[in-house]
Amino acid sequence: MAYKITSQCISCKLCLSVCPTGAIKVVDGNHWIDSELCTNCDGSIHTVPQCKAGCPTADGCVKQPSDYWEGWFANYNRVLAKLTNKQDYWENWRNTYSQKFSEKLQKHQGQVPA
């Protein structure tokens, strides 16, 4: 799976100098990664893709998903993490909802018709 450069790229050109295969190209001011040349830095001395590791924005270079749903969930989780700054968003939501529901249920059970 190749990486892609997103709209978060600030055109610092750091990725050009760190890519060991020269897969990063600039055409008309837009950076892109040639998937034919990109090896994800597998088989090299690097343990992580250098375009991702060297990107100062942390979101300028992301893994390109192999199928639609993988990409959808990756994007969803990335956006959700930015919105909440927490990975346990749904667990917190469920706990809050359960607590409110339990309070209302106890209040309702306390009201016995006369």
PDB file of N, CA and C in Angstrom:
ATOM      1  N   MET A   1       0.849  -1.169   0.000  1.00  0.00           N
ATOM      2  CA  MET A   1       0.000   0.000   0.000  1.00  0.00           C
ATOM      3  C   MET A   1       0.896   1.234   0.000  1.00  0.00           C
ATOM      4  N   ALA A   2       0.722   2.065  -0.963  1.00  0.00           N
ATOM      5  CA  ALA A   2       1.527   3.281  -1.089  1.00  0.00           C
ATOM      6  C   ALA A   2       0.979   4.377  -0.186  1.00  0.00           C
ATOM      7  N   TYR A   3       1.768   5.389  -0.015  1.00  0.00           N
ATOM      8  CA  TYR A   3       1.350   6.560   0.744  1.00  0.00           C
ATOM      9  C   TYR A   3       0.900   7.636  -0.235  1.00  0.00           C
ATOM     10  N   LYS A   4       0.142   8.611   0.271  1.00  0.00           N
ATOM     11  CA  LYS A   4      -0.270   9.732  -0.571  1.00  0.00           C
ATOM     12  C   LYS A   4      -0.070  11.017   0.209  1.00  0.00           C
ATOM     13  N   ILE A   5       0.111  12.083  -0.515  1.00  0.00           N
ATOM     14  CA  ILE A   5       0.287  13.399   0.096  1.00  0.00           C
ATOM     15  C   ILE A   5      -1.060  14.100   0.059  1.00  0.00           C
ATOM     16  N   THR A   6      -1.488  14.594   1.206  1.00  0.00           N
ATOM     17  CA  THR A   6      -2.826  15.171   1.352  1.00  0.00           C
ATOM     18  C   THR A   6      -2.800  16.689   1.200  1.00  0.00           C
ATOM     19  N   SER A   7      -3.960  17.278   1.348  1.00  0.00           N
ATOM     20  CA  SER A   7      -4.080  18.733   1.270  1.00  0.00           C
ATOM     21  C   SER A   7      -3.458  19.414   2.482  1.00  0.00           C
ATOM     22  N   GLN A   8      -3.080  18.653   3.496  1.00  0.00           N
ATOM     23  CA  GLN A   8      -2.421  19.215   4.677  1.00  0.00           C
ATOM     24  C   GLN A   8      -0.950  19.556   4.407  1.00  0.00           C
ATOM     25  N   CYS A   9      -0.436  19.145   3.245  1.00  0.00           N
ATOM     26  CA  CYS A   9       0.966  19.389   2.876  1.00  0.00           C
ATOM     27  C   CYS A   9       1.235  20.889   2.832  1.00  0.00           C
ATOM     28  N   ILE A  10       2.344  21.298   3.439  1.00  0.00           N
ATOM     29  CA  ILE A  10       2.710  22.719   3.461  1.00  0.00           C
ATOM     30  C   ILE A  10       3.839  23.029   2.478  1.00  0.00           C
ATOM     31  N   SER A  11       4.156  22.089   1.609  1.00  0.00           N
ATOM     32  CA  SER A  11       5.178  22.240   0.570  1.00  0.00           C
ATOM     33  C   SER A  11       6.548  22.597   1.128  1.00  0.00           C
ATOM     34  N   CYS A  12       6.916  21.968   2.227  1.00  0.00           N
ATOM     35  CA  CYS A  12       8.227  22.241   2.822  1.00  0.00           C
ATOM     36  C   CYS A  12       9.340  21.478   2.090  1.00  0.00           C
ATOM     37  N   LYS A  13       8.961  20.509   1.286  1.00  0.00           N
ATOM     38  CA  LYS A  13       9.873  19.705   0.467  1.00  0.00           C
ATOM     39  C   LYS A  13      10.823  18.829   1.283  1.00  0.00           C
ATOM     40  N   LEU A  14      10.546  18.657   2.556  1.00  0.00           N
ATOM     41  CA  LEU A  14      11.362  17.787   3.390  1.00  0.00           C
ATOM     42  C   LEU A  14      11.258  16.337   2.913  1.00  0.00           C
ATOM     43  N   CYS A  15      10.081  15.943   2.478  1.00  0.00           N
ATOM     44  CA  CYS A  15       9.867  14.564   2.032  1.00  0.00           C
ATOM     45  C   CYS A  15      10.714  14.228   0.799  1.00  0.00           C
ATOM     46  N   LEU A  16      10.978  15.225  -0.025  1.00  0.00           N
ATOM     47  CA  LEU A  16      11.799  14.988  -1.219  1.00  0.00           C
ATOM     48  C   LEU A  16      13.202  14.512  -0.848  1.00  0.00           C
ATOM     49  N   SER A  17      13.738  15.082   0.219  1.00  0.00           N
ATOM     50  CA  SER A  17      15.108  14.744   0.606  1.00  0.00           C
ATOM     51  C   SER A  17      15.204  13.467   1.430  1.00  0.00           C
ATOM     52  N   VAL A  18      14.118  13.047   2.074  1.00  0.00           N
ATOM     53  CA  VAL A  18      14.188  11.859   2.925  1.00  0.00           C
ATOM     54  C   VAL A  18      13.726  10.578   2.236  1.00  0.00           C
ATOM     55  N   CYS A  19      13.061  10.678   1.107  1.00  0.00           N
ATOM     56  CA  CYS A  19      12.560   9.483   0.413  1.00  0.00           C
ATOM     57  C   CYS A  19      13.735   8.705  -0.191  1.00  0.00           C
ATOM     58  N   PRO A  20      13.963   7.455   0.253  1.00  0.00           N
ATOM     59  CA  PRO A  20      15.114   6.702  -0.239  1.00  0.00           C
ATOM     60  C   PRO A  20      14.974   6.221  -1.684  1.00  0.00           C
ATOM     61  N   THR A  21      13.743   6.173  -2.210  1.00  0.00           N
ATOM     62  CA  THR A  21      13.552   5.682  -3.578  1.00  0.00           C
ATOM     63  C   THR A  21      13.274   6.796  -4.574  1.00  0.00           C
ATOM     64  N   GLY A  22      13.155   8.034  -4.105  1.00  0.00           N
ATOM     65  CA  GLY A  22      12.860   9.147  -5.005  1.00  0.00           C
ATOM     66  C   GLY A  22      11.453   9.090  -5.567  1.00  0.00           C
ATOM     67  N   ALA A  23      10.513   8.515  -4.794  1.00  0.00           N
ATOM     68  CA  ALA A  23       9.144   8.335  -5.266  1.00  0.00           C
ATOM     69  C   ALA A  23       8.313   9.612  -5.190  1.00  0.00           C
ATOM     70  N   ILE A  24       8.774  10.605  -4.483  1.00  0.00           N
ATOM     71  CA  ILE A  24       8.006  11.836  -4.317  1.00  0.00           C
ATOM     72  C   ILE A  24       8.356  12.806  -5.440  1.00  0.00           C
ATOM     73  N   LYS A  25       7.328  13.253  -6.120  1.00  0.00           N
ATOM     74  CA  LYS A  25       7.482  14.157  -7.269  1.00  0.00           C
ATOM     75  C   LYS A  25       6.724  15.447  -7.011  1.00  0.00           C
ATOM     76  N   VAL A  26       7.142  16.512  -7.683  1.00  0.00           N
ATOM     77  CA  VAL A  26       6.441  17.790  -7.627  1.00  0.00           C
ATOM     78  C   VAL A  26       6.076  18.166  -9.055  1.00  0.00           C
ATOM     79  N   VAL A  27       4.766  18.291  -9.302  1.00  0.00           N
ATOM     80  CA  VAL A  27       4.273  18.678 -10.616  1.00  0.00           C
ATOM     81  C   VAL A  27       3.329  19.858 -10.431  1.00  0.00           C
ATOM     82  N   ASP A  28       3.640  20.950 -11.084  1.00  0.00           N
ATOM     83  CA  ASP A  28       2.839  22.182 -10.992  1.00  0.00           C
ATOM     84  C   ASP A  28       2.637  22.627  -9.541  1.00  0.00           C
ATOM     85  N   GLY A  29       3.652  22.458  -8.724  1.00  0.00           N
ATOM     86  CA  GLY A  29       3.571  22.872  -7.330  1.00  0.00           C
ATOM     87  C   GLY A  29       2.875  21.893  -6.407  1.00  0.00           C
ATOM     88  N   ASN A  30       2.354  20.795  -6.959  1.00  0.00           N
ATOM     89  CA  ASN A  30       1.672  19.796  -6.153  1.00  0.00           C
ATOM     90  C   ASN A  30       2.573  18.591  -5.939  1.00  0.00           C
ATOM     91  N   HIS A  31       2.679  18.167  -4.690  1.00  0.00           N
ATOM     92  CA  HIS A  31       3.475  16.993  -4.355  1.00  0.00           C
ATOM     93  C   HIS A  31       2.621  15.740  -4.517  1.00  0.00           C
ATOM     94  N   TRP A  32       3.228  14.683  -5.024  1.00  0.00           N
ATOM     95  CA  TRP A  32       2.535  13.399  -5.122  1.00  0.00           C
ATOM     96  C   TRP A  32       3.569  12.283  -5.041  1.00  0.00           C
ATOM     97  N   ILE A  33       3.084  11.087  -4.705  1.00  0.00           N
ATOM     98  CA  ILE A  33       3.974   9.942  -4.550  1.00  0.00           C
ATOM     99  C   ILE A  33       3.705   8.964  -5.679  1.00  0.00           C
ATOM    100  N   ASP A  34       4.737   8.631  -6.410  1.00  0.00           N
ATOM    101  CA  ASP A  34       4.645   7.669  -7.499  1.00  0.00           C
ATOM    102  C   ASP A  34       4.537   6.266  -6.897  1.00  0.00           C
ATOM    103  N   SER A  35       3.370   5.653  -7.023  1.00  0.00           N
ATOM    104  CA  SER A  35       3.140   4.338  -6.404  1.00  0.00           C
ATOM    105  C   SER A  35       3.998   3.240  -7.023  1.00  0.00           C
ATOM    106  N   GLU A  36       4.499   3.479  -8.227  1.00  0.00           N
ATOM    107  CA  GLU A  36       5.397   2.504  -8.863  1.00  0.00           C
ATOM    108  C   GLU A  36       6.759   2.470  -8.167  1.00  0.00           C
ATOM    109  N   LEU A  37       7.181   3.604  -7.639  1.00  0.00           N
ATOM    110  CA  LEU A  37       8.483   3.698  -6.987  1.00  0.00           C
ATOM    111  C   LEU A  37       8.419   3.539  -5.465  1.00  0.00           C
ATOM    112  N   CYS A  38       7.264   3.828  -4.884  1.00  0.00           N
ATOM    113  CA  CYS A  38       7.118   3.782  -3.426  1.00  0.00           C
ATOM    114  C   CYS A  38       7.162   2.338  -2.928  1.00  0.00           C
ATOM    115  N   THR A  39       8.023   2.082  -1.968  1.00  0.00           N
ATOM    116  CA  THR A  39       8.145   0.743  -1.368  1.00  0.00           C
ATOM    117  C   THR A  39       7.724   0.753   0.092  1.00  0.00           C
ATOM    118  N   ASN A  40       7.186   1.869   0.585  1.00  0.00           N
ATOM    119  CA  ASN A  40       6.854   2.055   1.999  1.00  0.00           C
ATOM    120  C   ASN A  40       8.084   1.888   2.875  1.00  0.00           C
ATOM    121  N   CYS A  41       9.239   2.038   2.274  1.00  0.00           N
ATOM    122  CA  CYS A  41      10.543   1.883   2.942  1.00  0.00           C
ATOM    123  C   CYS A  41      10.759   0.461   3.453  1.00  0.00           C
ATOM    124  N   ASP A  42      10.002  -0.501   2.911  1.00  0.00           N
ATOM    125  CA  ASP A  42      10.215  -1.914   3.252  1.00  0.00           C
ATOM    126  C   ASP A  42      11.514  -2.377   2.619  1.00  0.00           C
ATOM    127  N   GLY A  43      12.228  -3.207   3.330  1.00  0.00           N
ATOM    128  CA  GLY A  43      13.483  -3.730   2.807  1.00  0.00           C
ATOM    129  C   GLY A  43      14.625  -2.735   2.861  1.00  0.00           C
ATOM    130  N   SER A  44      14.439  -1.653   3.578  1.00  0.00           N
ATOM    131  CA  SER A  44      15.508  -0.659   3.707  1.00  0.00           C
ATOM    132  C   SER A  44      15.937  -0.597   5.171  1.00  0.00           C
ATOM    133  N   ILE A  45      16.846   0.300   5.463  1.00  0.00           N
ATOM    134  CA  ILE A  45      17.309   0.429   6.839  1.00  0.00           C
ATOM    135  C   ILE A  45      16.280   1.125   7.728  1.00  0.00           C
ATOM    136  N   HIS A  46      15.243   1.685   7.121  1.00  0.00           N
ATOM    137  CA  HIS A  46      14.234   2.442   7.857  1.00  0.00           C
ATOM    138  C   HIS A  46      13.132   1.514   8.349  1.00  0.00           C
ATOM    139  N   THR A  47      12.649   1.749   9.548  1.00  0.00           N
ATOM    140  CA  THR A  47      11.568   0.932  10.100  1.00  0.00           C
ATOM    141  C   THR A  47      10.198   1.527   9.845  1.00  0.00           C
ATOM    142  N   VAL A  48      10.156   2.794   9.478  1.00  0.00           N
ATOM    143  CA  VAL A  48       8.895   3.459   9.144  1.00  0.00           C
ATOM    144  C   VAL A  48       9.080   4.228   7.844  1.00  0.00           C
ATOM    145  N   PRO A  49       8.003   4.444   7.090  1.00  0.00           N
ATOM    146  CA  PRO A  49       8.109   5.245   5.872  1.00  0.00           C
ATOM    147  C   PRO A  49       8.636   6.649   6.197  1.00  0.00           C
ATOM    148  N   GLN A  50       9.657   7.051   5.491  1.00  0.00           N
ATOM    149  CA  GLN A  50      10.335   8.303   5.797  1.00  0.00           C
ATOM    150  C   GLN A  50       9.505   9.534   5.457  1.00  0.00           C
ATOM    151  N   CYS A  51       8.618   9.435   4.463  1.00  0.00           N
ATOM    152  CA  CYS A  51       7.765  10.581   4.144  1.00  0.00           C
ATOM    153  C   CYS A  51       6.843  10.887   5.317  1.00  0.00           C
ATOM    154  N   LYS A  52       6.310   9.856   5.952  1.00  0.00           N
ATOM    155  CA  LYS A  52       5.434  10.024   7.110  1.00  0.00           C
ATOM    156  C   LYS A  52       6.226  10.493   8.320  1.00  0.00           C
ATOM    157  N   ALA A  53       7.390   9.880   8.549  1.00  0.00           N
ATOM    158  CA  ALA A  53       8.208  10.211   9.718  1.00  0.00           C
ATOM    159  C   ALA A  53       8.754  11.635   9.653  1.00  0.00           C
ATOM    160  N   GLY A  54       9.063  12.109   8.466  1.00  0.00           N
ATOM    161  CA  GLY A  54       9.655  13.430   8.332  1.00  0.00           C
ATOM    162  C   GLY A  54       8.668  14.556   8.154  1.00  0.00           C
ATOM    163  N   CYS A  55       7.400  14.250   7.979  1.00  0.00           N
ATOM    164  CA  CYS A  55       6.396  15.287   7.706  1.00  0.00           C
ATOM    165  C   CYS A  55       6.113  16.116   8.965  1.00  0.00           C
ATOM    166  N   PRO A  56       6.343  17.429   8.896  1.00  0.00           N
ATOM    167  CA  PRO A  56       6.117  18.262  10.076  1.00  0.00           C
ATOM    168  C   PRO A  56       4.641  18.457  10.423  1.00  0.00           C
ATOM    169  N   THR A  57       3.740  18.180   9.481  1.00  0.00           N
ATOM    170  CA  THR A  57       2.311  18.358   9.757  1.00  0.00           C
ATOM    171  C   THR A  57       1.683  17.119  10.361  1.00  0.00           C
ATOM    172  N   ALA A  58       2.323  15.976  10.248  1.00  0.00           N
ATOM    173  CA  ALA A  58       1.827  14.683  10.729  1.00  0.00           C
ATOM    174  C   ALA A  58       0.625  14.175   9.925  1.00  0.00           C
ATOM    175  N   ASP A  59      -0.020  15.010   9.142  1.00  0.00           N
ATOM    176  CA  ASP A  59      -1.132  14.573   8.301  1.00  0.00           C
ATOM    177  C   ASP A  59      -0.887  14.883   6.831  1.00  0.00           C
ATOM    178  N   GLY A  60       0.279  15.364   6.497  1.00  0.00           N
ATOM    179  CA  GLY A  60       0.583  15.709   5.113  1.00  0.00           C
ATOM    180  C   GLY A  60       0.857  14.492   4.262  1.00  0.00           C
ATOM    181  N   CYS A  61       1.257  13.411   4.907  1.00  0.00           N
ATOM    182  CA  CYS A  61       1.559  12.172   4.211  1.00  0.00           C
ATOM    183  C   CYS A  61       0.890  11.034   4.965  1.00  0.00           C
ATOM    184  N   VAL A  62      -0.074  10.381   4.330  1.00  0.00           N
ATOM    185  CA  VAL A  62      -0.825   9.321   5.000  1.00  0.00           C
ATOM    186  C   VAL A  62      -0.863   8.065   4.139  1.00  0.00           C
ATOM    187  N   LYS A  63      -1.106   6.944   4.799  1.00  0.00           N
ATOM    188  CA  LYS A  63      -1.197   5.674   4.095  1.00  0.00           C
ATOM    189  C   LYS A  63      -2.441   5.667   3.218  1.00  0.00           C
ATOM    190  N   GLN A  64      -2.283   5.278   1.976  1.00  0.00           N
ATOM    191  CA  GLN A  64      -3.407   5.218   1.055  1.00  0.00           C
ATOM    192  C   GLN A  64      -4.063   3.852   1.195  1.00  0.00           C
ATOM    193  N   PRO A  65      -5.350   3.808   1.558  1.00  0.00           N
ATOM    194  CA  PRO A  65      -6.024   2.534   1.780  1.00  0.00           C
ATOM    195  C   PRO A  65      -6.183   1.731   0.496  1.00  0.00           C
ATOM    196  N   SER A  66      -6.277   0.415   0.676  1.00  0.00           N
ATOM    197  CA  SER A  66      -6.412  -0.458  -0.482  1.00  0.00           C
ATOM    198  C   SER A  66      -7.859  -0.635  -0.920  1.00  0.00           C
ATOM    199  N   ASP A  67      -8.812  -0.400  -0.034  1.00  0.00           N
ATOM    200  CA  ASP A  67     -10.209  -0.483  -0.450  1.00  0.00           C
ATOM    201  C   ASP A  67     -11.008   0.680   0.137  1.00  0.00           C
ATOM    202  N   TYR A  68     -12.224   0.835  -0.332  1.00  0.00           N
ATOM    203  CA  TYR A  68     -13.057   1.972   0.037  1.00  0.00           C
ATOM    204  C   TYR A  68     -13.321   2.043   1.537  1.00  0.00           C
ATOM    205  N   TRP A  69     -13.771   0.942   2.141  1.00  0.00           N
ATOM    206  CA  TRP A  69     -14.162   0.948   3.549  1.00  0.00           C
ATOM    207  C   TRP A  69     -12.978   1.128   4.474  1.00  0.00           C
ATOM    208  N   GLU A  70     -11.843   0.571   4.117  1.00  0.00           N
ATOM    209  CA  GLU A  70     -10.644   0.776   4.921  1.00  0.00           C
ATOM    210  C   GLU A  70     -10.304   2.264   4.948  1.00  0.00           C
ATOM    211  N   GLY A  71     -10.402   2.906   3.802  1.00  0.00           N
ATOM    212  CA  GLY A  71     -10.145   4.337   3.722  1.00  0.00           C
ATOM    213  C   GLY A  71     -11.171   5.153   4.477  1.00  0.00           C
ATOM    214  N   TRP A  72     -12.439   4.733   4.379  1.00  0.00           N
ATOM    215  CA  TRP A  72     -13.515   5.447   5.065  1.00  0.00           C
ATOM    216  C   TRP A  72     -13.304   5.418   6.567  1.00  0.00           C
ATOM    217  N   PHE A  73     -13.032   4.248   7.114  1.00  0.00           N
ATOM    218  CA  PHE A  73     -12.832   4.127   8.557  1.00  0.00           C
ATOM    219  C   PHE A  73     -11.541   4.807   9.018  1.00  0.00           C
ATOM    220  N   ALA A  74     -10.499   4.760   8.220  1.00  0.00           N
ATOM    221  CA  ALA A  74      -9.257   5.447   8.577  1.00  0.00           C
ATOM    222  C   ALA A  74      -9.501   6.951   8.656  1.00  0.00           C
ATOM    223  N   ASN A  75     -10.219   7.495   7.681  1.00  0.00           N
ATOM    224  CA  ASN A  75     -10.541   8.922   7.677  1.00  0.00           C
ATOM    225  C   ASN A  75     -11.457   9.272   8.852  1.00  0.00           C
ATOM    226  N   TYR A  76     -12.458   8.440   9.102  1.00  0.00           N
ATOM    227  CA  TYR A  76     -13.397   8.659  10.208  1.00  0.00           C
ATOM    228  C   TYR A  76     -12.653   8.701  11.535  1.00  0.00           C
ATOM    229  N   ASN A  77     -11.796   7.722  11.772  1.00  0.00           N
ATOM    230  CA  ASN A  77     -11.054   7.671  13.031  1.00  0.00           C
ATOM    231  C   ASN A  77     -10.091   8.844  13.180  1.00  0.00           C
ATOM    232  N   ARG A  78      -9.482   9.274  12.078  1.00  0.00           N
ATOM    233  CA  ARG A  78      -8.574  10.415  12.117  1.00  0.00           C
ATOM    234  C   ARG A  78      -9.347  11.693  12.461  1.00  0.00           C
ATOM    235  N   VAL A  79     -10.497  11.903  11.828  1.00  0.00           N
ATOM    236  CA  VAL A  79     -11.304  13.095  12.086  1.00  0.00           C
ATOM    237  C   VAL A  79     -11.871  13.055  13.502  1.00  0.00           C
ATOM    238  N   LEU A  80     -12.348  11.889  13.924  1.00  0.00           N
ATOM    239  CA  LEU A  80     -12.899  11.747  15.264  1.00  0.00           C
ATOM    240  C   LEU A  80     -11.844  12.036  16.328  1.00  0.00           C
ATOM    241  N   ALA A  81     -10.631  11.562  16.104  1.00  0.00           N
ATOM    242  CA  ALA A  81      -9.550  11.817  17.057  1.00  0.00           C
ATOM    243  C   ALA A  81      -9.251  13.311  17.143  1.00  0.00           C
ATOM    244  N   LYS A  82      -9.335  14.017  16.016  1.00  0.00           N
ATOM    245  CA  LYS A  82      -9.106  15.460  16.040  1.00  0.00           C
ATOM    246  C   LYS A  82     -10.224  16.182  16.783  1.00  0.00           C
ATOM    247  N   LEU A  83     -11.461  15.734  16.589  1.00  0.00           N
ATOM    248  CA  LEU A  83     -12.599  16.389  17.216  1.00  0.00           C
ATOM    249  C   LEU A  83     -12.631  16.173  18.721  1.00  0.00           C
ATOM    250  N   THR A  84     -12.276  14.995  19.143  1.00  0.00           N
ATOM    251  CA  THR A  84     -12.423  14.647  20.551  1.00  0.00           C
ATOM    252  C   THR A  84     -11.110  14.621  21.313  1.00  0.00           C
ATOM    253  N   ASN A  85     -10.000  14.497  20.589  1.00  0.00           N
ATOM    254  CA  ASN A  85      -8.689  14.304  21.209  1.00  0.00           C
ATOM    255  C   ASN A  85      -8.673  13.087  22.116  1.00  0.00           C
ATOM    256  N   LYS A  86      -9.593  12.168  21.876  1.00  0.00           N
ATOM    257  CA  LYS A  86      -9.679  10.940  22.655  1.00  0.00           C
ATOM    258  C   LYS A  86      -9.997   9.788  21.719  1.00  0.00           C
ATOM    259  N   GLN A  87      -9.426   8.636  21.988  1.00  0.00           N
ATOM    260  CA  GLN A  87      -9.723   7.455  21.185  1.00  0.00           C
ATOM    261  C   GLN A  87     -10.956   6.722  21.717  1.00  0.00           C
ATOM    262  N   ASP A  88     -11.359   7.000  22.949  1.00  0.00           N
ATOM    263  CA  ASP A  88     -12.465   6.286  23.573  1.00  0.00           C
ATOM    264  C   ASP A  88     -13.764   7.093  23.514  1.00  0.00           C
ATOM    265  N   TYR A  89     -13.987   7.789  22.427  1.00  0.00           N
ATOM    266  CA  TYR A  89     -15.157   8.662  22.284  1.00  0.00           C
ATOM    267  C   TYR A  89     -16.458   7.904  22.495  1.00  0.00           C
ATOM    268  N   TRP A  90     -16.655   6.780  21.805  1.00  0.00           N
ATOM    269  CA  TRP A  90     -17.926   6.054  21.882  1.00  0.00           C
ATOM    270  C   TRP A  90     -18.129   5.418  23.244  1.00  0.00           C
ATOM    271  N   GLU A  91     -17.055   4.995  23.880  1.00  0.00           N
ATOM    272  CA  GLU A  91     -17.185   4.433  25.232  1.00  0.00           C
ATOM    273  C   GLU A  91     -17.651   5.513  26.200  1.00  0.00           C
ATOM    274  N   ASN A  92     -17.086   6.700  26.104  1.00  0.00           N
ATOM    275  CA  ASN A  92     -17.520   7.817  26.951  1.00  0.00           C
ATOM    276  C   ASN A  92     -18.964   8.202  26.652  1.00  0.00           C
ATOM    277  N   TRP A  93     -19.330   8.203  25.382  1.00  0.00           N
ATOM    278  CA  TRP A  93     -20.707   8.531  25.005  1.00  0.00           C
ATOM    279  C   TRP A  93     -21.669   7.518  25.608  1.00  0.00           C
ATOM    280  N   ARG A  94     -21.333   6.226  25.495  1.00  0.00           N
ATOM    281  CA  ARG A  94     -22.201   5.172  26.015  1.00  0.00           C
ATOM    282  C   ARG A  94     -22.324   5.280  27.526  1.00  0.00           C
ATOM    283  N   ASN A  95     -21.229   5.539  28.224  1.00  0.00           N
ATOM    284  CA  ASN A  95     -21.268   5.666  29.677  1.00  0.00           C
ATOM    285  C   ASN A  95     -22.133   6.844  30.104  1.00  0.00           C
ATOM    286  N   THR A  96     -21.998   7.970  29.424  1.00  0.00           N
ATOM    287  CA  THR A  96     -22.803   9.149  29.742  1.00  0.00           C
ATOM    288  C   THR A  96     -24.272   8.879  29.465  1.00  0.00           C
ATOM    289  N   TYR A  97     -24.558   8.285  28.312  1.00  0.00           N
ATOM    290  CA  TYR A  97     -25.937   7.976  27.948  1.00  0.00           C
ATOM    291  C   TYR A  97     -26.546   6.999  28.954  1.00  0.00           C
ATOM    292  N   SER A  98     -25.787   5.956  29.315  1.00  0.00           N
ATOM    293  CA  SER A  98     -26.279   4.957  30.270  1.00  0.00           C
ATOM    294  C   SER A  98     -26.571   5.592  31.624  1.00  0.00           C
ATOM    295  N   GLN A  99     -25.697   6.489  32.049  1.00  0.00           N
ATOM    296  CA  GLN A  99     -25.888   7.153  33.337  1.00  0.00           C
ATOM    297  C   GLN A  99     -27.150   8.015  33.304  1.00  0.00           C
ATOM    298  N   LYS A 100     -27.339   8.801  32.259  1.00  0.00           N
ATOM    299  CA  LYS A 100     -28.527   9.661  32.154  1.00  0.00           C
ATOM    300  C   LYS A 100     -29.794   8.822  32.077  1.00  0.00           C
ATOM    301  N   PHE A 101     -29.740   7.739  31.293  1.00  0.00           N
ATOM    302  CA  PHE A 101     -30.896   6.862  31.155  1.00  0.00           C
ATOM    303  C   PHE A 101     -31.223   6.215  32.496  1.00  0.00           C
ATOM    304  N   SER A 102     -30.215   5.776  33.221  1.00  0.00           N
ATOM    305  CA  SER A 102     -30.416   5.145  34.519  1.00  0.00           C
ATOM    306  C   SER A 102     -31.046   6.129  35.508  1.00  0.00           C
ATOM    307  N   GLU A 103     -30.587   7.376  35.496  1.00  0.00           N
ATOM    308  CA  GLU A 103     -31.153   8.393  36.377  1.00  0.00           C
ATOM    309  C   GLU A 103     -32.619   8.637  36.065  1.00  0.00           C
ATOM    310  N   LYS A 104     -32.952   8.739  34.798  1.00  0.00           N
ATOM    311  CA  LYS A 104     -34.348   8.954  34.412  1.00  0.00           C
ATOM    312  C   LYS A 104     -35.213   7.752  34.758  1.00  0.00           C
ATOM    313  N   LEU A 105     -34.685   6.562  34.579  1.00  0.00           N
ATOM    314  CA  LEU A 105     -35.426   5.345  34.898  1.00  0.00           C
ATOM    315  C   LEU A 105     -35.701   5.264  36.393  1.00  0.00           C
ATOM    316  N   GLN A 106     -34.713   5.584  37.220  1.00  0.00           N
ATOM    317  CA  GLN A 106     -34.902   5.561  38.668  1.00  0.00           C
ATOM    318  C   GLN A 106     -35.919   6.616  39.097  1.00  0.00           C
ATOM    319  N   LYS A 107     -35.859   7.773  38.464  1.00  0.00           N
ATOM    320  CA  LYS A 107     -36.816   8.843  38.768  1.00  0.00           C
ATOM    321  C   LYS A 107     -38.222   8.417  38.390  1.00  0.00           C
ATOM    322  N   HIS A 108     -38.345   7.774  37.254  1.00  0.00           N
ATOM    323  CA  HIS A 108     -39.651   7.316  36.769  1.00  0.00           C
ATOM    324  C   HIS A 108     -40.198   6.188  37.648  1.00  0.00           C
ATOM    325  N   GLN A 109     -39.344   5.287  38.109  1.00  0.00           N
ATOM    326  CA  GLN A 109     -39.766   4.174  38.950  1.00  0.00           C
ATOM    327  C   GLN A 109     -40.194   4.678  40.325  1.00  0.00           C
ATOM    328  N   GLY A 110     -39.653   5.796  40.744  1.00  0.00           N
ATOM    329  CA  GLY A 110     -40.016   6.377  42.036  1.00  0.00           C
ATOM    330  C   GLY A 110     -41.420   6.974  42.029  1.00  0.00           C
ATOM    331  N   GLN A 111     -41.958   7.234  40.852  1.00  0.00           N
ATOM    332  CA  GLN A 111     -43.290   7.818  40.734  1.00  0.00           C
ATOM    333  C   GLN A 111     -44.306   6.686  40.564  1.00  0.00           C
ATOM    334  N   VAL A 112     -44.951   6.322  41.631  1.00  0.00           N
ATOM    335  CA  VAL A 112     -45.951   5.256  41.592  1.00  0.00           C
ATOM    336  C   VAL A 112     -47.321   5.901  41.478  1.00  0.00           C
ATOM    337  N   PRO A 113     -48.121   5.494  40.483  1.00  0.00           N
ATOM    338  CA  PRO A 113     -49.459   6.091  40.342  1.00  0.00           C
ATOM    339  C   PRO A 113     -50.340   5.778  41.557  1.00  0.00           C
ATOM    340  N   ALA A 114     -51.134   6.735  41.987  1.00  0.00           N
ATOM    341  CA  ALA A 114     -51.974   6.569  43.172  1.00  0.00           C
ATOM    342  C   ALA A 114     -53.329   6.010  42.829  1.00  0.00           C
TER     343      ALA A 114
END
